[in-house]
C-alpha atoms as a PDB file:
ATOM      1  CA  UNK A   1     110.312 126.162 111.780  1.00  0.00           C
ATOM      2  CA  UNK A   2     107.699 124.780 114.134  1.00  0.00           C
ATOM      3  CA  UNK A   3     109.021 121.195 113.903  1.00  0.00           C
ATOM      4  CA  UNK A   4     110.561 120.789 117.338  1.00  0.00           C
ATOM      5  CA  UNK A   5     109.169 117.286 117.938  1.00  0.00           C
ATOM      6  CA  UNK A   6     111.580 114.417 118.269  1.00  0.00           C
ATOM      7  CA  UNK A   7     111.287 112.255 115.110  1.00  0.00           C
ATOM      8  CA  UNK A   8     111.534 109.041 117.133  1.00  0.00           C
ATOM      9  CA  UNK A   9     108.578 110.140 119.272  1.00  0.00           C
ATOM     10  CA  UNK A  10     106.571 110.833 116.136  1.00  0.00           C
ATOM     11  CA  UNK A  11     107.474 107.371 114.806  1.00  0.00           C
ATOM     12  CA  UNK A  12     106.420 105.780 118.117  1.00  0.00           C
ATOM     13  CA  UNK A  13     103.124 107.690 118.027  1.00  0.00           C
ATOM     14  CA  UNK A  14     102.444 106.559 114.454  1.00  0.00           C
ATOM     15  CA  UNK A  15     103.331 102.976 115.358  1.00  0.00           C
ATOM     16  CA  UNK A  16     100.848 103.103 118.240  1.00  0.00           C
ATOM     17  CA  UNK A  17      98.095 104.401 115.974  1.00  0.00           C
ATOM     18  CA  UNK A  18      98.828 101.657 113.446  1.00  0.00           C
ATOM     19  CA  UNK A  19      98.700  98.981 116.141  1.00  0.00           C
ATOM     20  CA  UNK A  20      95.408 100.205 117.612  1.00  0.00           C
ATOM     21  CA  UNK A  21      93.772 100.671 114.221  1.00  0.00           C
ATOM     22  CA  UNK A  22      95.429  97.656 112.663  1.00  0.00           C
ATOM     23  CA  UNK A  23      93.267  95.086 114.430  1.00  0.00           C
ATOM     24  CA  UNK A  24      90.120  96.997 113.477  1.00  0.00           C
ATOM     25  CA  UNK A  25      91.358  97.105 109.886  1.00  0.00           C
ATOM     26  CA  UNK A  26      91.869  93.317 109.860  1.00  0.00           C
ATOM     27  CA  UNK A  27      88.352  92.736 111.223  1.00  0.00           C
ATOM     28  CA  UNK A  28      86.893  95.102 108.615  1.00  0.00           C
ATOM     29  CA  UNK A  29      88.663  93.190 105.830  1.00  0.00           C
ATOM     30  CA  UNK A  30      87.579  89.824 107.239  1.00  0.00           C
ATOM     31  CA  UNK A  31      83.976  91.006 107.532  1.00  0.00           C
ATOM     32  CA  UNK A  32      83.956  92.414 104.005  1.00  0.00           C
ATOM     33  CA  UNK A  33      85.565  89.261 102.611  1.00  0.00           C
ATOM     34  CA  UNK A  34      83.072  87.025 104.383  1.00  0.00           C
ATOM     35  CA  UNK A  35      80.147  89.099 103.127  1.00  0.00           C
ATOM     36  CA  UNK A  36      81.450  89.011  99.568  1.00  0.00           C
ATOM     37  CA  UNK A  37      82.068  85.266  99.721  1.00  0.00           C
ATOM     38  CA  UNK A  38      78.490  84.811 100.944  1.00  0.00           C
ATOM     39  CA  UNK A  39      77.175  86.911  98.075  1.00  0.00           C
ATOM     40  CA  UNK A  40      79.184  84.855  95.596  1.00  0.00           C
ATOM     41  CA  UNK A  41      77.763  81.605  96.972  1.00  0.00           C
ATOM     42  CA  UNK A  42      74.181  82.876  96.765  1.00  0.00           C
ATOM     43  CA  UNK A  43      74.464  84.030  93.138  1.00  0.00           C
ATOM     44  CA  UNK A  44      74.923  80.683  91.370  1.00  0.00           C
ATOM     45  CA  UNK A  45      73.315  81.831  88.119  1.00  0.00           C
ATOM     46  CA  UNK A  46      75.026  85.234  87.939  1.00  0.00           C
ATOM     47  CA  UNK A  47      78.502  84.193  86.875  1.00  0.00           C
ATOM     48  CA  UNK A  48      79.905  87.704  86.399  1.00  0.00           C
ATOM     49  CA  UNK A  49      78.853  88.904  89.865  1.00  0.00           C
ATOM     50  CA  UNK A  50      79.957  85.630  91.446  1.00  0.00           C
ATOM     51  CA  UNK A  51      83.434  85.980  89.951  1.00  0.00           C
ATOM     52  CA  UNK A  52      83.690  89.647  90.950  1.00  0.00           C
ATOM     53  CA  UNK A  53      82.609  88.878  94.521  1.00  0.00           C
ATOM     54  CA  UNK A  54      85.045  85.961  94.710  1.00  0.00           C
ATOM     55  CA  UNK A  55      87.929  88.141  93.517  1.00  0.00           C
ATOM     56  CA  UNK A  56      87.074  90.813  96.080  1.00  0.00           C
ATOM     57  CA  UNK A  57      86.791  88.225  98.868  1.00  0.00           C
ATOM     58  CA  UNK A  58      90.190  86.831  97.835  1.00  0.00           C
ATOM     59  CA  UNK A  59      91.657  90.352  97.864  1.00  0.00           C
ATOM     60  CA  UNK A  60      90.376  90.839 101.427  1.00  0.00           C
ATOM     61  CA  UNK A  61      91.924  87.500 102.431  1.00  0.00           C
ATOM     62  CA  UNK A  62      95.246  88.435 100.819  1.00  0.00           C
ATOM     63  CA  UNK A  63      95.234  91.819 102.557  1.00  0.00           C
ATOM     64  CA  UNK A  64      94.786  90.226 105.980  1.00  0.00           C
ATOM     65  CA  UNK A  65      97.553  87.707 105.235  1.00  0.00           C
ATOM     66  CA  UNK A  66      99.874  90.574 104.257  1.00  0.00           C
ATOM     67  CA  UNK A  67      99.136  92.790 107.269  1.00  0.00           C
ATOM     68  CA  UNK A  68      98.778  90.175 110.011  1.00  0.00           C
ATOM     69  CA  UNK A  69     102.538  89.715 110.538  1.00  0.00           C
ATOM     70  CA  UNK A  70     102.998  93.487 110.880  1.00  0.00           C
ATOM     71  CA  UNK A  71     100.818  93.774 113.977  1.00  0.00           C
ATOM     72  CA  UNK A  72     101.801  93.011 117.548  1.00  0.00           C
ATOM     73  CA  UNK A  73      98.639  91.156 118.568  1.00  0.00           C
ATOM     74  CA  UNK A  74      98.017  89.310 121.781  1.00  0.00           C
ATOM     75  CA  UNK A  75      97.919  85.531 121.548  1.00  0.00           C
ATOM     76  CA  UNK A  76      94.111  85.612 121.834  1.00  0.00           C
ATOM     77  CA  UNK A  77      93.734  88.297 119.149  1.00  0.00           C
ATOM     78  CA  UNK A  78      96.019  86.330 116.838  1.00  0.00           C
ATOM     79  CA  UNK A  79      94.031  83.148 117.474  1.00  0.00           C
ATOM     80  CA  UNK A  80      90.729  84.884 116.705  1.00  0.00           C
ATOM     81  CA  UNK A  81      92.004  86.551 113.540  1.00  0.00           C
ATOM     82  CA  UNK A  82      93.619  83.308 112.365  1.00  0.00           C
ATOM     83  CA  UNK A  83      90.366  81.389 112.932  1.00  0.00           C
ATOM     84  CA  UNK A  84      88.370  83.993 111.000  1.00  0.00           C
ATOM     85  CA  UNK A  85      90.989  83.961 108.247  1.00  0.00           C
ATOM     86  CA  UNK A  86      90.722  80.173 107.961  1.00  0.00           C
ATOM     87  CA  UNK A  87      86.911  80.416 107.827  1.00  0.00           C
ATOM     88  CA  UNK A  88      87.189  82.996 105.036  1.00  0.00           C
ATOM     89  CA  UNK A  89      89.609  80.759 103.127  1.00  0.00           C
ATOM     90  CA  UNK A  90      87.128  77.893 103.351  1.00  0.00           C
ATOM     91  CA  UNK A  91      84.269  80.166 102.263  1.00  0.00           C
ATOM     92  CA  UNK A  92      86.250  81.283  99.220  1.00  0.00           C
ATOM     93  CA  UNK A  93      87.121  77.710  98.292  1.00  0.00           C
ATOM     94  CA  UNK A  94      83.429  76.777  98.504  1.00  0.00           C
ATOM     95  CA  UNK A  95      82.498  79.286  95.797  1.00  0.00           C
ATOM     96  CA  UNK A  96      81.773  77.529  92.493  1.00  0.00           C
ATOM     97  CA  UNK A  97      84.436  78.448  89.923  1.00  0.00           C
ATOM     98  CA  UNK A  98      82.478  77.718  86.760  1.00  0.00           C
END
């Protein structure tokens, strides 16, 4: 009752929304991860906060790695996201562990 829409059209519509919002989602995760990595690097004497920030930055990195293959990005979008992802990886590795 009231569901006369073609399921494949609904799926296509949802796919389109995911694609358009997906790139924004990746940039939001990359921005958050970069910010958290920066906070971790600037808190050398606050071990607990540094470790928390590092874990959160790593979670953002992992999220982008997981979702990146699911999006149909242009070559330029993929290049930009990949470059930002590499920069985040380097930022995370630069955080003191001890």
